Protein backbone atom coordinates (compact mmCIF):
# COMPACT_ATOMS: atom_id res chain seq x y z
CA MET A 1 50.10 -74.81 -29.61
CA GLN A 2 51.97 -71.56 -30.02
CA THR A 3 50.19 -68.27 -30.58
CA THR A 4 51.32 -66.52 -33.71
CA PRO A 5 52.32 -62.84 -33.68
CA VAL A 6 49.27 -61.94 -35.74
CA VAL A 7 46.96 -63.48 -33.20
CA LYS A 8 48.75 -61.68 -30.39
CA VAL A 9 48.42 -58.32 -32.12
CA THR A 10 44.79 -58.93 -32.94
CA ALA A 11 44.03 -59.88 -29.36
CA ALA A 12 45.79 -56.79 -28.08
CA TRP A 13 43.80 -54.56 -30.43
CA LEU A 14 40.57 -56.24 -29.41
CA LEU A 15 41.42 -55.73 -25.75
CA CYS A 16 42.19 -52.06 -26.36
CA LEU A 17 38.96 -51.67 -28.28
CA LEU A 18 36.98 -53.24 -25.46
CA LEU A 19 38.68 -50.97 -22.94
CA ILE A 20 37.91 -47.90 -25.08
CA ILE A 21 34.27 -48.97 -25.43
CA ALA A 22 34.01 -49.57 -21.69
CA ALA A 23 35.61 -46.21 -20.96
CA PHE A 24 33.28 -44.50 -23.43
CA VAL A 25 30.24 -46.15 -21.87
CA ALA A 26 31.45 -45.12 -18.43
CA VAL A 27 32.03 -41.52 -19.57
CA VAL A 28 28.61 -41.35 -21.21
CA GLY A 29 26.98 -42.76 -18.11
CA SER A 30 28.86 -40.34 -15.90
CA LEU A 31 27.99 -37.35 -18.06
CA ASN A 32 24.36 -38.41 -18.30
CA ALA A 33 24.30 -38.73 -14.52
CA ARG A 34 25.85 -35.28 -14.02
CA LEU A 35 25.97 -32.72 -16.84
CA TYR A 36 23.03 -34.09 -18.84
CA SER A 37 20.79 -35.28 -16.00
CA PRO A 38 17.42 -33.78 -15.05
CA GLU A 39 18.91 -32.99 -11.62
CA HIS A 40 21.66 -30.92 -13.28
CA ARG A 41 19.04 -29.01 -15.26
CA VAL A 42 17.30 -28.07 -12.02
CA ASP A 43 20.65 -27.14 -10.47
CA LEU A 44 21.31 -24.70 -13.33
CA TYR A 45 17.93 -23.08 -12.71
CA LEU A 46 18.52 -22.70 -8.97
CA ASP A 47 21.95 -21.19 -9.65
CA ALA A 48 20.34 -18.60 -11.94
CA LEU A 49 17.97 -17.66 -9.11
CA ARG A 50 20.85 -17.24 -6.65
CA GLN A 51 22.76 -15.09 -9.15
CA GLY A 52 19.71 -12.90 -9.81
CA GLU A 53 19.78 -13.76 -13.52
CA GLY A 54 16.09 -13.67 -14.31
CA GLY A 55 16.37 -14.09 -18.07
CA ARG A 56 18.47 -17.23 -17.74
CA ALA A 57 16.18 -18.61 -15.03
CA LEU A 58 13.07 -18.00 -17.12
CA GLY A 59 14.60 -19.81 -20.11
CA ILE A 60 15.70 -22.83 -18.09
CA LEU A 61 12.36 -23.05 -16.28
CA ASN A 62 10.61 -22.90 -19.65
CA ALA A 63 8.01 -20.58 -18.10
CA THR A 64 6.00 -17.54 -19.16
CA VAL A 65 5.15 -14.41 -17.18
CA PRO A 66 1.41 -13.95 -16.50
CA ASP A 67 -0.25 -11.13 -18.44
CA GLY A 68 -0.70 -7.95 -16.43
CA SER A 69 1.64 -9.01 -13.64
CA ASP A 70 4.44 -6.89 -12.19
CA ALA A 71 7.94 -8.20 -13.00
CA SER A 72 9.78 -6.41 -10.17
CA LEU A 73 10.78 -9.69 -8.47
CA LEU A 74 12.12 -11.41 -11.57
CA ASP A 75 15.64 -10.05 -11.77
CA GLY A 76 18.58 -8.49 -9.94
CA ASP A 77 18.56 -7.69 -6.25
CA ALA A 78 14.90 -8.60 -5.74
CA LEU A 79 15.47 -12.06 -7.23
CA ARG A 80 18.62 -12.63 -5.18
CA ALA A 81 16.70 -11.57 -2.06
CA SER A 82 14.03 -14.13 -2.94
CA ALA A 83 16.54 -16.99 -3.13
CA ALA A 84 18.75 -15.96 -0.18
CA PRO A 85 16.45 -17.14 2.68
CA LEU A 86 16.34 -20.72 1.32
CA GLU A 87 18.52 -22.81 3.64
CA GLY A 88 19.80 -26.35 3.21
CA THR A 89 18.68 -26.55 -0.41
CA THR A 90 19.08 -30.15 -1.62
CA ILE A 91 18.31 -31.58 -5.05
CA GLN A 92 16.96 -35.10 -4.58
CA ASP A 93 17.21 -37.95 -7.10
CA ALA A 94 14.74 -37.76 -9.95
CA LEU A 95 11.52 -39.78 -9.61
CA ASP A 96 10.26 -41.66 -12.66
CA THR A 97 6.72 -40.49 -13.46
CA GLY A 98 6.16 -42.10 -16.83
CA GLN A 99 7.66 -42.60 -20.26
CA ASP A 100 10.50 -40.08 -20.64
CA THR A 101 9.23 -37.93 -17.75
CA VAL A 102 10.51 -37.44 -14.21
CA GLU A 103 10.01 -35.19 -11.19
CA VAL A 104 12.98 -33.75 -9.33
CA PRO A 105 12.23 -32.87 -5.70
CA VAL A 106 14.09 -29.94 -4.16
CA THR A 107 13.98 -29.66 -0.37
CA TYR A 108 14.83 -26.55 1.64
CA SER A 109 13.76 -24.61 4.68
CA VAL A 110 12.75 -20.99 5.27
CA ASP A 111 12.76 -19.61 8.82
CA GLY A 112 12.99 -23.14 10.17
CA GLU A 113 10.01 -24.48 8.21
CA ASP A 114 10.66 -27.31 5.72
CA HIS A 115 9.38 -27.12 2.13
CA THR A 116 9.57 -29.22 -1.02
CA THR A 117 9.25 -28.08 -4.62
CA LEU A 118 8.73 -30.61 -7.42
CA PHE A 119 10.11 -29.90 -10.89
CA PRO A 120 8.58 -31.96 -13.71
CA LEU A 121 10.91 -32.63 -16.67
CA GLU A 122 10.69 -34.54 -19.90
CA GLN A 123 13.42 -36.08 -22.02
CA THR A 124 13.39 -34.26 -25.33
CA GLY A 125 15.97 -36.36 -27.14
CA THR A 126 19.69 -36.93 -27.17
CA ARG A 127 22.76 -34.95 -28.12
CA TRP A 128 25.07 -36.70 -30.60
CA GLY A 129 22.92 -39.75 -30.08
CA VAL A 130 24.31 -40.57 -26.66
CA PHE A 131 23.76 -37.70 -24.19
CA GLU A 132 20.22 -37.33 -22.88
CA THR A 133 18.60 -33.88 -23.09
CA TRP A 134 16.05 -32.85 -20.47
CA GLU A 135 13.76 -29.82 -20.38
CA LEU A 136 11.47 -28.57 -17.66
CA GLU A 137 7.85 -28.85 -18.65
CA PRO A 138 6.26 -25.54 -19.74
CA SER A 139 4.60 -23.55 -16.96
CA VAL A 140 3.27 -20.12 -16.02
CA LEU A 141 4.90 -18.26 -13.16
CA PRO A 142 2.76 -17.81 -10.03
CA THR A 143 1.97 -14.36 -8.65
CA VAL A 144 2.11 -12.86 -5.18
CA GLY A 145 -0.63 -10.37 -4.35
CA ILE A 146 0.36 -7.26 -2.34
CA SER A 147 -2.25 -4.81 -1.06
CA THR A 148 -2.58 -1.79 1.21
CA ARG A 149 -5.36 0.76 1.61
CA HIS A 150 -3.17 3.74 2.38
CA GLY A 151 -0.78 4.23 -0.52
CA GLU A 152 0.41 3.19 -3.93
CA ASP A 153 3.83 1.72 -3.25
CA ALA A 154 5.58 -0.74 -0.97
CA SER A 155 8.99 -2.27 -0.39
CA VAL A 156 9.09 -5.88 -1.61
CA ASN A 157 12.31 -7.87 -1.21
CA GLY A 158 14.11 -4.57 -0.73
CA VAL A 159 12.92 -2.84 -3.92
CA ASP A 160 10.18 -0.24 -4.37
CA VAL A 161 7.11 -1.63 -6.07
CA GLY A 162 4.15 0.39 -7.32
CA LEU A 163 0.69 -0.55 -6.07
CA PRO A 164 -1.78 1.16 -8.42
CA GLY A 165 -4.98 1.59 -6.48
CA GLY A 166 -3.28 -0.05 -3.51
CA ASN A 167 -2.86 -3.47 -5.16
CA ALA A 168 -0.41 -5.37 -7.33
CA GLU A 169 0.17 -8.91 -8.59
CA LEU A 170 3.89 -9.67 -8.69
CA ALA A 171 5.14 -12.55 -10.83
CA SER A 172 7.57 -14.74 -8.91
CA PHE A 173 10.03 -17.52 -9.56
CA TYR A 174 9.91 -20.56 -7.28
CA PRO A 175 11.08 -21.63 -4.86
CA GLY A 176 11.45 -18.20 -3.29
CA ALA A 177 10.68 -16.09 -0.26
CA VAL A 178 8.84 -12.78 -0.53
CA ALA A 179 8.93 -10.10 2.17
CA ALA A 180 6.83 -6.93 1.86
CA ARG A 181 6.39 -3.89 4.03
CA TYR A 182 4.89 -0.43 3.85
CA ASP A 183 7.33 2.21 5.07
CA THR A 184 6.65 5.93 4.66
CA PRO A 185 7.17 9.02 6.82
CA TYR A 186 3.62 8.83 8.21
CA LEU A 187 2.61 5.16 8.01
CA VAL A 188 4.58 1.94 8.46
CA SER A 189 3.56 -1.72 8.52
CA SER A 190 5.20 -4.79 9.94
CA GLU A 191 6.99 -6.95 7.38
CA GLU A 192 4.75 -9.65 5.92
CA HIS A 193 6.26 -12.90 4.56
CA THR A 194 5.29 -15.72 2.25
CA VAL A 195 7.06 -18.61 0.52
CA VAL A 196 6.39 -19.45 -3.13
CA THR A 197 6.83 -23.21 -3.43
CA GLY A 198 5.45 -23.93 -6.90
CA THR A 199 3.17 -22.79 -9.68
CA GLY A 200 0.30 -22.18 -7.26
CA SER A 201 0.00 -18.61 -5.99
CA PRO A 202 0.26 -18.16 -2.20
CA ALA A 203 -2.22 -16.15 -0.14
CA PRO A 204 -1.94 -12.40 -0.78
CA LEU A 205 0.07 -10.22 1.58
CA GLU A 206 -2.09 -7.51 3.15
CA LEU A 207 -0.11 -4.62 4.59
CA SER A 208 -1.82 -2.88 7.49
CA PRO A 209 0.13 0.27 8.36
CA GLU A 210 0.27 1.98 11.74
CA GLN A 211 0.99 5.66 12.26
CA THR A 212 4.42 7.03 12.99
CA PRO A 213 5.00 9.96 15.39
CA ASP A 214 5.44 12.15 12.32
CA LEU A 215 1.75 11.77 11.46
CA ALA A 216 0.48 13.56 14.58
CA ARG A 217 3.21 16.17 14.13
CA ALA A 218 2.16 16.79 10.54
CA VAL A 219 -1.49 17.20 11.60
CA ASP A 220 -0.42 19.49 14.43
CA ASP A 221 1.52 21.66 11.97
CA GLN A 222 -1.52 21.96 9.71
CA VAL A 223 -3.77 22.86 12.67
CA HIS A 224 -1.33 25.62 13.65
CA THR A 225 -1.14 26.90 10.07
CA PHE A 226 -4.93 26.97 9.77
CA LEU A 227 -5.49 28.78 13.09
CA ASP A 228 -2.65 31.25 12.48
CA ALA A 229 -4.26 32.16 9.15
CA CYS A 230 -7.55 32.73 11.00
CA ALA A 231 -5.81 34.97 13.54
CA ASP A 232 -4.32 37.04 10.71
CA GLN A 233 -7.82 38.18 9.69
CA ALA A 234 -8.44 41.55 11.40
CA VAL A 235 -12.21 41.10 11.61
CA PHE A 236 -14.58 40.09 14.39
CA GLN A 237 -15.62 36.90 12.56
CA PRO A 238 -12.70 35.45 10.51
CA ALA A 239 -14.06 33.66 7.43
CA GLY A 240 -14.06 29.86 7.59
CA CYS A 241 -12.72 29.87 11.13
CA PRO A 242 -13.94 28.31 14.39
CA PHE A 243 -13.94 31.51 16.52
CA ALA A 244 -15.66 34.91 16.40
CA TYR A 245 -16.44 37.90 18.62
CA VAL A 246 -19.93 39.35 18.78
CA THR A 247 -20.51 42.93 19.94
CA THR A 248 -23.05 45.71 19.40
CA GLU A 249 -20.58 48.53 20.08
CA PRO A 250 -18.68 50.42 17.39
CA LEU A 251 -15.06 49.59 16.69
CA ALA A 252 -12.63 52.27 17.84
CA GLY A 253 -9.25 50.59 17.16
CA ASP A 254 -7.49 47.70 15.51
CA ILE A 255 -8.67 44.10 15.79
CA VAL A 256 -5.89 41.72 16.86
CA TRP A 257 -6.39 37.98 17.23
CA THR A 258 -3.85 35.63 18.81
CA ILE A 259 -4.14 31.91 19.49
CA GLU A 260 -4.17 31.54 23.25
CA GLU A 261 -4.17 27.75 23.31
CA TYR A 262 -3.70 25.46 20.34
CA PRO A 263 -5.68 22.19 20.27
CA THR A 264 -4.05 18.94 21.33
CA VAL A 265 -3.96 16.63 18.29
CA THR A 266 -4.98 13.00 18.70
CA VAL A 267 -5.00 10.78 15.60
CA THR A 268 -6.71 7.40 15.76
CA ARG A 269 -7.52 4.64 13.35
CA GLU A 270 -11.10 3.65 12.61
CA GLY A 271 -11.27 0.67 10.29
CA ASP A 272 -9.29 1.59 7.21
CA ASP A 273 -9.45 5.34 7.87
CA TRP A 274 -7.54 7.76 10.06
CA THR A 275 -9.45 10.31 12.10
CA VAL A 276 -8.54 13.25 14.30
CA ALA A 277 -10.37 13.84 17.59
CA PRO A 278 -12.37 17.11 18.01
CA LEU A 279 -9.97 20.04 18.19
CA GLU A 280 -10.48 22.36 21.15
CA GLY A 281 -8.58 25.55 21.97
CA SER A 282 -8.95 29.25 22.59
CA ALA A 283 -8.14 32.56 20.92
CA ARG A 284 -7.69 36.03 22.40
CA LEU A 285 -9.20 39.18 20.89
CA GLU A 286 -7.69 42.57 21.65
CA THR A 287 -9.35 45.73 20.36
CA THR A 288 -10.93 49.03 21.41
CA LEU A 289 -14.69 49.62 21.43
CA GLN A 290 -16.66 52.86 21.80
CA SER A 291 -19.84 53.19 23.86
CA TYR A 292 -22.95 54.21 21.91
CA PHE A 293 -24.21 56.21 24.87
CA SER A 294 -21.18 57.97 26.35
CA GLY A 295 -18.74 57.76 23.49
CA ALA A 296 -16.14 56.48 25.92
CA GLU A 297 -13.58 54.06 24.52
CA THR A 298 -12.85 50.78 26.26
CA ASP A 299 -9.90 48.46 25.64
CA VAL A 300 -11.02 44.83 25.25
CA SER A 301 -8.93 41.68 25.81
CA ASP A 302 -11.20 38.66 25.84
CA VAL A 303 -10.60 34.92 25.39
CA VAL A 304 -12.84 33.00 23.00
CA ASP A 305 -13.05 29.22 23.39
CA PHE A 306 -13.53 27.22 20.19
CA SER A 307 -13.95 23.67 19.01
CA PHE A 308 -14.11 22.15 15.53
CA ASP A 309 -13.91 18.82 13.75
CA ALA A 310 -11.74 17.96 10.77
CA ASP A 311 -11.50 15.28 8.11
CA LEU A 312 -8.11 13.63 7.67
CA ALA A 313 -6.69 12.08 4.51
CA VAL A 314 -3.46 10.08 4.87
CA THR A 315 -1.61 8.35 2.05
CA GLY A 316 1.70 7.77 3.77
CA ASP A 317 3.54 10.43 1.82
CA GLU A 318 0.91 13.13 2.22
CA VAL A 319 -1.35 14.31 5.04
CA THR A 320 -4.31 16.60 4.38
CA LEU A 321 -6.39 18.16 7.15
CA ILE A 322 -9.80 19.54 6.12
CA PRO A 323 -11.42 21.64 8.92
CA ILE A 324 -15.18 21.34 9.27
CA ILE A 325 -16.57 24.64 10.53
CA THR A 326 -20.22 24.57 11.56
CA VAL A 327 -20.46 26.62 14.76
CA THR A 328 -18.29 29.53 15.81
CA GLY A 329 -17.44 30.68 19.30
CA ASP A 330 -19.64 33.41 20.79
CA VAL A 331 -18.45 36.08 23.21
CA SER A 332 -20.51 39.26 23.61
CA GLY A 333 -18.91 42.54 24.52
């Protein structure tokens, strides 16, 4: 039986149609597996983190920023610094968790320690009836607590962050690494690290600063300034000062004070406060006195030892020494 031309043409068209349908199904499957997959949605989010594009990342993550939190880590250099330490980032195959919902695991390591972050997504429909659409489930960003007792700012992921009252809660994308340190002319802390792996907030970072050499120098400068001001007072007992000269003989010349030996400054830490050890030194008085009995004048050059305590306030950017004067030196002529 011979096949007619019409049958041949019809068969050819049917074969072409089947090939087109098969190709279309293959393309749809490929696109659903790549461009429209839940894994691709997570990949777009991670790329936004690496690029420091906080607005895009927030939209893809479908998340909100906690009320009252600091947004310093959510964009630009700070965000890029958060994503940079993540090594070997791998997006695993989605895990079915229920009807139209999946979880996409992302594995990575930070400083040699392995971590996994799970991203829950739900299928929200289709595009043009064939391409699946996936959205991350709504969430609230976690926060990272930063605290220090000696100032109101810190460096977090390379940017300056205000710490009102010494504390702040910084909203953070995840996954991400956060590094904080306190670095000022007078106080500096070691760098503290944490990794934000999900919506749960990690333990707060407490910055415990140590003094720099500039702190003792700043206190020493203030001690010198205070004592020099005392020496400028041309009286036997300079007001508010730790030294004085007591005599019963009349003054017959000028009164000149000089600091013979300035105290050695030692600053130590006691708990959360900084203290300065008792300050000991000596001053020299030069003057002329007249005898009540003979009227003879005598040149005087005597050394007066002194000691005083002082309160110390340190904020990192400012040092304030407050002398405590209770007892003055006593040398009788």
